[in-house]
Amino acid sequence: MDIKEYKGVFVFAQQVDNKLSNIAFELVGKGKSLANDLGETVTAVLVGYQVKDLADQLAEYGADKVIVVDDPELKEYRTEPYTHALSEVINKYKPEIFLIGATAIGRDLGPRVCARIHTGLTADCTKLDIGDFPLQAVPGQEQLHNQLLMTRPAFGGNTIATIACPQFRPQMATVRPGVMQKNPKQPGRKCEVEEFNPGFVPNDLYVEILDVVKKVENTVDIQDAKILVSGGRGVGSPENFKILDDLAEAIGGTVSCSRAVVDAGWKPKDLQVGQTGKTVRPKVYFAIGISGAIQHLAGMEESDLIIAINKDDSAPIFDVADYGLVGDLNKIVPLLTEKIKEAKAKANQN
């Protein structure tokens, strides 16, 4: 492998039912930043069937180029044809960096692609930078420059590991949704669009989809919420989440929770914030009855404003909170809800 042949930053632009996922725009944003550091461009790889029209959206969020792999075999996500598509794109275009979202699709696809093209993969990254490897110069060892430094939680979130892949290309990582920020949209922006089809010959690894059953969920995607009212084990019981529901309704927010609440069966996993749940970045995050374990902090510490309510004044959540209230949540939360309702009623009168 001649590493010098590999140039540019590529990202997998995930789409489902011909609609781009938010992670596609987040990866284009981060890819653009990395590409600028390297003096290169960012290319989005769009895979599916009759998806070419989506390329303009990727351009508006910063893609310099879009490679479209369009084929009837790619209509629904299946591991083998999608792996074949990305592997052939990498073999032909030789990107230096390739990023994939750590979604259900990305977690299946990423490891298979990296195994097929014989490179490494750092999974579930929360931070990506361009820098030197080793991080600190070691006597007698060459320090390589312009390496992708991939940071992720390790050992159950008890430590943070920074990983590099200096000897193989592309440098591949899956990135947690909600961690990276997408660029501001530039309506009307265009970029180069290139179509590429490596050919698809079904074999015994191609799964046959007999039927697609879509389940309608009533839960809101907490990653889209501007205000989150999140409860932990300290709420006490599933019935007691009613006071959080009342606060969320009064303030126009959405209820979420910690892993302990999900493990206890009080709330569905779709509402879980944290390392093994979802990463969120709301304008306001209420942490109510949440101690603040590092696994939870990893999923919400980038919130614009964090308000913590806990009876334990030494709870780690107060270390990241902008405002902290020490006391009984059963008294504080209803009182807060009442004051918010009074303020809204007064504002409506005026």
Protein backbone atom coordinates (compact mmCIF):
# COMPACT_ATOMS: atom_id res chain seq x y z
CA MET A 1 0.00 0.00 0.00
CA ASP A 2 1.35 3.39 -1.05
CA ILE A 3 -0.16 5.74 1.53
CA LYS A 4 0.75 8.79 -0.58
CA GLU A 5 -1.84 7.77 -3.18
CA TYR A 6 -4.69 8.34 -0.72
CA LYS A 7 -6.12 11.87 -0.65
CA GLY A 8 -9.20 13.67 0.64
CA VAL A 9 -11.92 13.11 3.21
CA PHE A 10 -14.91 10.93 2.28
CA VAL A 11 -18.11 10.48 4.31
CA PHE A 12 -20.94 7.99 3.94
CA ALA A 13 -24.15 9.98 3.42
CA GLN A 14 -26.73 7.66 4.95
CA GLN A 15 -30.23 7.83 3.54
CA VAL A 16 -33.31 5.79 4.41
CA ASP A 17 -36.37 5.75 2.14
CA ASN A 18 -34.70 8.42 -0.03
CA LYS A 19 -34.39 10.83 2.89
CA LEU A 20 -30.97 11.85 4.17
CA SER A 21 -30.32 11.20 7.85
CA ASN A 22 -29.03 14.04 10.05
CA ILE A 23 -25.78 12.14 10.57
CA ALA A 24 -25.01 12.68 6.85
CA PHE A 25 -24.96 16.45 7.31
CA GLU A 26 -23.04 16.17 10.59
CA LEU A 27 -20.33 14.09 8.91
CA VAL A 28 -20.10 16.50 5.97
CA GLY A 29 -19.58 19.32 8.49
CA LYS A 30 -16.83 17.50 10.37
CA GLY A 31 -15.34 16.17 7.15
CA LYS A 32 -15.12 19.72 5.81
CA SER A 33 -13.22 20.81 8.94
CA LEU A 34 -10.76 17.91 8.68
CA ALA A 35 -10.33 18.48 4.95
CA ASN A 36 -9.52 22.15 5.54
CA ASP A 37 -6.81 21.15 8.02
CA LEU A 38 -5.30 18.86 5.37
CA GLY A 39 -5.74 21.26 2.46
CA GLU A 40 -8.08 18.74 0.81
CA THR A 41 -11.78 18.46 -0.11
CA VAL A 42 -14.71 16.59 1.40
CA THR A 43 -16.65 14.08 -0.71
CA ALA A 44 -19.99 12.55 0.26
CA VAL A 45 -20.78 9.02 -0.93
CA LEU A 46 -24.50 8.60 -1.58
CA VAL A 47 -25.68 5.00 -1.93
CA GLY A 48 -29.20 3.86 -2.83
CA TYR A 49 -31.72 3.70 -5.65
CA GLN A 50 -32.99 6.84 -7.40
CA VAL A 51 -31.17 9.03 -4.87
CA LYS A 52 -29.25 11.40 -7.17
CA ASP A 53 -31.62 14.28 -6.38
CA LEU A 54 -30.37 14.22 -2.76
CA ALA A 55 -26.91 15.38 -3.84
CA ASP A 56 -27.94 19.06 -3.82
CA GLN A 57 -28.76 18.87 -0.10
CA LEU A 58 -25.28 17.56 0.65
CA ALA A 59 -23.78 20.41 -1.40
CA GLU A 60 -25.79 22.97 0.57
CA TYR A 61 -24.26 21.65 3.80
CA GLY A 62 -20.68 21.85 2.52
CA ALA A 63 -19.86 18.82 0.35
CA ASP A 64 -17.32 19.65 -2.36
CA LYS A 65 -18.24 16.56 -4.36
CA VAL A 66 -20.86 13.82 -4.24
CA ILE A 67 -20.30 10.31 -5.61
CA VAL A 68 -23.63 8.62 -6.32
CA VAL A 69 -23.82 4.83 -6.38
CA ASP A 70 -27.33 4.14 -7.71
CA ASP A 71 -28.68 0.67 -8.40
CA PRO A 72 -31.95 -1.25 -7.82
CA GLU A 73 -29.99 -3.69 -5.61
CA LEU A 74 -29.44 -0.78 -3.20
CA LYS A 75 -33.07 0.21 -2.72
CA GLU A 76 -33.17 -1.09 0.86
CA TYR A 77 -30.15 -1.43 3.09
CA ARG A 78 -28.56 -4.86 2.87
CA THR A 79 -25.10 -5.60 4.20
CA GLU A 80 -23.50 -7.24 1.16
CA PRO A 81 -24.44 -4.85 -1.68
CA TYR A 82 -23.73 -1.77 0.45
CA THR A 83 -20.36 -3.22 1.53
CA HIS A 84 -19.54 -3.90 -2.11
CA ALA A 85 -20.53 -0.35 -3.09
CA LEU A 86 -18.36 1.40 -0.47
CA SER A 87 -15.41 -0.97 -0.89
CA GLU A 88 -15.30 -0.31 -4.64
CA VAL A 89 -15.58 3.45 -4.11
CA ILE A 90 -12.59 3.29 -1.76
CA ASN A 91 -10.60 1.08 -4.14
CA LYS A 92 -11.18 3.48 -7.02
CA TYR A 93 -10.97 6.92 -5.40
CA LYS A 94 -8.50 6.14 -2.57
CA PRO A 95 -9.64 8.52 0.20
CA GLU A 96 -7.25 9.29 3.04
CA ILE A 97 -10.10 9.41 5.58
CA PHE A 98 -13.50 7.71 5.45
CA LEU A 99 -16.20 8.47 8.03
CA ILE A 100 -19.41 6.54 8.70
CA GLY A 101 -22.18 7.31 11.20
CA ALA A 102 -22.40 5.01 14.22
CA THR A 103 -26.04 4.25 13.48
CA ALA A 104 -27.60 0.80 13.26
CA ILE A 105 -26.63 0.78 9.57
CA GLY A 106 -23.17 2.24 10.10
CA ARG A 107 -22.27 -0.17 12.90
CA ASP A 108 -23.07 -3.06 10.59
CA LEU A 109 -21.47 -1.57 7.50
CA GLY A 110 -18.25 -0.02 8.84
CA PRO A 111 -16.53 -3.17 10.16
CA ARG A 112 -17.34 -5.13 7.00
CA VAL A 113 -15.94 -2.45 4.71
CA CYS A 114 -12.71 -2.03 6.68
CA ALA A 115 -12.18 -5.81 6.76
CA ARG A 116 -12.68 -6.04 3.00
CA ILE A 117 -10.19 -3.29 2.16
CA HIS A 118 -7.76 -4.29 4.93
CA THR A 119 -7.57 -1.22 7.15
CA GLY A 120 -8.45 -0.33 10.74
CA LEU A 121 -11.64 1.12 12.18
CA THR A 122 -12.16 3.14 15.35
CA ALA A 123 -15.76 2.74 16.45
CA ASP A 124 -18.12 5.14 18.19
CA CYS A 125 -15.88 8.21 18.07
CA THR A 126 -16.81 11.37 19.95
CA LYS A 127 -13.94 13.56 18.69
CA LEU A 128 -11.81 13.71 15.53
CA ASP A 129 -8.72 15.86 14.98
CA ILE A 130 -5.75 16.15 12.65
CA GLY A 131 -2.45 15.97 14.51
CA ASP A 132 0.81 14.18 15.23
CA PHE A 133 1.25 10.53 16.12
CA PRO A 134 2.60 9.64 18.63
CA LEU A 135 0.97 12.58 20.42
CA GLN A 136 4.26 13.29 22.19
CA ALA A 137 7.57 12.79 20.42
CA VAL A 138 9.37 9.60 21.46
CA PRO A 139 13.17 9.43 21.12
CA GLY A 140 14.16 7.06 18.34
CA GLN A 141 10.62 6.87 16.88
CA GLU A 142 9.41 8.89 13.91
CA GLN A 143 6.56 11.25 14.72
CA LEU A 144 4.08 11.25 11.85
CA HIS A 145 2.18 14.42 10.97
CA ASN A 146 -1.34 15.05 9.62
CA GLN A 147 -2.75 11.86 11.10
CA LEU A 148 -6.41 11.37 11.96
CA LEU A 149 -6.61 11.24 15.76
CA MET A 150 -9.80 9.38 16.71
CA THR A 151 -11.06 9.76 20.28
CA ARG A 152 -13.62 7.48 21.90
CA PRO A 153 -14.70 6.39 25.40
CA ALA A 154 -13.10 3.12 26.52
CA PHE A 155 -13.49 0.67 29.41
CA GLY A 156 -17.15 1.50 29.94
CA GLY A 157 -16.53 5.22 29.67
CA ASN A 158 -14.01 5.27 32.53
CA THR A 159 -11.24 6.54 30.28
CA ILE A 160 -10.85 8.27 26.94
CA ALA A 161 -8.67 6.69 24.25
CA THR A 162 -7.12 8.47 21.28
CA ILE A 163 -6.39 6.08 18.42
CA ALA A 164 -4.52 6.47 15.12
CA CYS A 165 -4.08 4.26 12.07
CA PRO A 166 -0.69 5.38 10.70
CA GLN A 167 0.21 2.42 8.47
CA PHE A 168 -3.01 1.76 6.54
CA ARG A 169 -5.47 3.78 4.47
CA PRO A 170 -8.09 4.97 4.55
CA GLN A 171 -8.22 5.97 8.20
CA MET A 172 -11.77 4.90 9.11
CA ALA A 173 -14.04 5.82 11.99
CA THR A 174 -17.68 5.56 12.92
CA VAL A 175 -19.02 8.69 14.61
CA ARG A 176 -21.84 8.93 17.12
CA PRO A 177 -24.90 10.83 15.86
CA GLY A 178 -25.41 14.18 17.54
CA VAL A 179 -21.74 14.64 18.48
CA MET A 180 -20.54 16.62 15.45
CA GLN A 181 -22.18 19.84 14.30
CA LYS A 182 -23.42 20.35 10.76
CA ASN A 183 -22.44 23.47 8.89
CA PRO A 184 -24.97 26.27 8.33
CA LYS A 185 -27.03 25.53 5.24
CA GLN A 186 -26.11 27.50 2.10
CA PRO A 187 -29.25 27.38 -0.08
CA GLY A 188 -28.48 27.02 -3.77
CA ARG A 189 -24.89 25.90 -3.28
CA LYS A 190 -23.83 23.33 -5.88
CA CYS A 191 -20.98 20.86 -6.15
CA GLU A 192 -19.60 18.29 -8.56
CA VAL A 193 -21.74 15.13 -8.79
CA GLU A 194 -20.23 11.94 -10.22
CA GLU A 195 -22.07 8.68 -10.79
CA PHE A 196 -20.28 5.39 -10.18
CA ASN A 197 -21.64 1.87 -10.39
CA PRO A 198 -19.28 -1.07 -9.78
CA GLY A 199 -21.92 -3.59 -10.87
CA PHE A 200 -23.93 -5.82 -8.58
CA VAL A 201 -24.23 -9.59 -9.04
CA PRO A 202 -26.42 -11.16 -6.33
CA ASN A 203 -24.88 -14.15 -4.60
CA ASP A 204 -25.62 -16.29 -1.57
CA LEU A 205 -24.59 -13.41 0.73
CA TYR A 206 -27.38 -11.19 -0.59
CA VAL A 207 -30.28 -11.25 1.85
CA GLU A 208 -33.70 -11.39 0.20
CA ILE A 209 -36.16 -8.93 1.73
CA LEU A 210 -39.61 -10.48 1.69
CA ASP A 211 -41.52 -7.69 3.38
CA VAL A 212 -40.91 -4.38 5.15
CA VAL A 213 -43.09 -3.67 8.18
CA LYS A 214 -42.89 -0.14 9.54
CA LYS A 215 -43.86 0.36 13.16
CA VAL A 216 -45.26 3.76 14.05
CA GLU A 217 -43.62 5.10 17.20
CA ASN A 218 -45.29 7.72 19.38
CA THR A 219 -42.02 8.80 21.00
CA VAL A 220 -40.26 11.98 19.87
CA ASP A 221 -36.63 11.80 18.78
CA ILE A 222 -34.84 13.37 21.75
CA GLN A 223 -31.90 14.34 19.50
CA ASP A 224 -34.14 16.91 17.81
CA ALA A 225 -35.46 18.43 21.04
CA LYS A 226 -34.46 21.99 22.00
CA ILE A 227 -35.36 21.44 25.67
CA LEU A 228 -34.93 18.13 27.49
CA VAL A 229 -36.25 17.29 30.94
CA SER A 230 -34.22 14.24 31.89
CA GLY A 231 -34.85 12.03 34.90
CA GLY A 232 -32.66 9.51 36.67
CA ARG A 233 -32.96 6.86 39.36
CA GLY A 234 -33.46 9.64 41.92
CA VAL A 235 -36.94 10.34 40.53
CA GLY A 236 -37.94 7.31 42.56
CA SER A 237 -40.59 5.55 40.48
CA PRO A 238 -42.13 5.47 37.00
CA GLU A 239 -45.26 7.13 38.43
CA ASN A 240 -43.18 10.01 39.75
CA PHE A 241 -42.09 10.86 36.20
CA LYS A 242 -45.49 12.61 36.04
CA ILE A 243 -43.93 15.72 37.62
CA LEU A 244 -41.26 15.70 34.88
CA ASP A 245 -43.97 15.32 32.24
CA ASP A 246 -45.74 18.35 33.72
CA LEU A 247 -42.54 20.44 33.65
CA ALA A 248 -41.78 19.41 30.08
CA GLU A 249 -45.32 20.32 28.97
CA ALA A 250 -45.12 23.70 30.70
CA ILE A 251 -41.77 24.64 29.20
CA GLY A 252 -42.29 23.10 25.76
CA GLY A 253 -39.72 20.36 26.26
CA THR A 254 -39.36 16.60 25.88
CA VAL A 255 -38.80 14.02 28.61
CA SER A 256 -35.66 11.84 28.46
CA CYS A 257 -33.87 9.67 30.98
CA SER A 258 -30.68 7.98 32.18
CA ARG A 259 -29.69 4.34 31.67
CA ALA A 260 -30.74 3.40 35.20
CA VAL A 261 -34.32 4.37 34.34
CA VAL A 262 -34.28 2.24 31.18
CA ASP A 263 -32.72 -0.71 33.02
CA ALA A 264 -35.48 -0.47 35.62
CA GLY A 265 -38.08 -0.66 32.86
CA TRP A 266 -39.54 2.78 33.64
CA LYS A 267 -38.89 4.31 30.19
CA PRO A 268 -38.09 2.97 26.68
CA LYS A 269 -34.51 2.96 25.43
CA ASP A 270 -35.38 5.52 22.74
CA LEU A 271 -35.42 8.13 25.52
CA GLN A 272 -32.02 7.20 27.01
CA VAL A 273 -29.25 9.79 27.06
CA GLY A 274 -25.65 8.67 27.49
CA GLN A 275 -22.83 6.59 26.14
CA THR A 276 -25.06 3.57 25.46
CA GLY A 277 -28.04 5.77 24.59
CA LYS A 278 -28.22 8.90 22.47
CA THR A 279 -25.96 11.92 22.35
CA VAL A 280 -27.97 15.13 22.64
CA ARG A 281 -27.16 18.82 22.32
CA PRO A 282 -30.31 20.77 23.35
CA LYS A 283 -30.52 24.45 24.20
CA VAL A 284 -31.56 23.53 27.77
CA TYR A 285 -31.00 20.24 29.61
CA PHE A 286 -32.64 19.56 32.97
CA ALA A 287 -30.85 16.76 34.86
CA ILE A 288 -33.30 15.76 37.59
CA GLY A 289 -32.36 13.02 40.04
CA ILE A 290 -29.33 12.15 37.90
CA SER A 291 -26.02 11.65 39.72
CA GLY A 292 -23.88 12.38 36.67
CA ALA A 293 -21.90 9.23 35.93
CA ILE A 294 -19.32 9.72 33.19
CA GLN A 295 -21.33 7.49 30.85
CA HIS A 296 -24.29 9.87 31.12
CA LEU A 297 -22.17 13.01 30.84
CA ALA A 298 -20.74 11.73 27.55
CA GLY A 299 -24.21 12.02 26.05
CA MET A 300 -25.25 15.51 27.23
CA GLU A 301 -22.30 17.62 28.36
CA GLU A 302 -22.35 19.66 25.12
CA SER A 303 -25.82 21.03 25.95
CA ASP A 304 -25.94 24.84 25.83
CA LEU A 305 -27.41 25.20 29.33
CA ILE A 306 -27.46 22.48 31.99
CA ILE A 307 -29.70 22.75 35.06
CA ALA A 308 -29.22 20.07 37.72
CA ILE A 309 -31.60 19.20 40.54
CA ASN A 310 -30.33 16.66 43.09
CA LYS A 311 -30.49 16.18 46.85
CA ASP A 312 -26.80 15.14 46.96
CA ASP A 313 -24.67 18.29 46.89
CA SER A 314 -21.58 16.21 45.95
CA ALA A 315 -23.17 14.61 42.87
CA PRO A 316 -20.83 14.78 39.84
CA ILE A 317 -23.62 16.33 37.75
CA PHE A 318 -22.97 19.64 39.52
CA ASP A 319 -19.44 19.72 38.06
CA VAL A 320 -20.87 20.27 34.56
CA ALA A 321 -24.08 22.11 35.47
CA ASP A 322 -24.48 25.82 34.75
CA TYR A 323 -27.09 26.03 37.49
CA GLY A 324 -27.55 23.60 40.36
CA LEU A 325 -30.36 23.19 42.87
CA VAL A 326 -29.71 21.03 45.93
CA GLY A 327 -32.91 19.71 47.44
CA ASP A 328 -35.95 17.48 47.15
CA LEU A 329 -36.97 17.24 43.50
CA ASN A 330 -40.53 16.39 44.59
CA LYS A 331 -40.81 19.92 45.99
CA ILE A 332 -38.59 21.83 43.55
CA VAL A 333 -39.95 20.50 40.23
CA PRO A 334 -43.68 21.12 40.89
CA LEU A 335 -42.84 24.61 42.21
CA LEU A 336 -40.76 25.33 39.12
CA THR A 337 -43.59 24.11 36.88
CA GLU A 338 -46.07 26.35 38.72
CA LYS A 339 -43.85 29.44 38.33
CA ILE A 340 -43.36 28.76 34.61
CA LYS A 341 -47.12 28.45 34.10
CA GLU A 342 -47.70 31.71 36.01
CA ALA A 343 -45.10 33.51 33.91
CA LYS A 344 -46.65 32.22 30.67
CA ALA A 345 -50.13 33.24 31.79
CA LYS A 346 -48.91 36.75 32.66
CA ALA A 347 -47.12 37.03 29.31
CA ASN A 348 -50.29 36.03 27.46
CA GLN A 349 -52.27 38.70 29.32
CA ASN A 350 -49.81 41.35 28.19
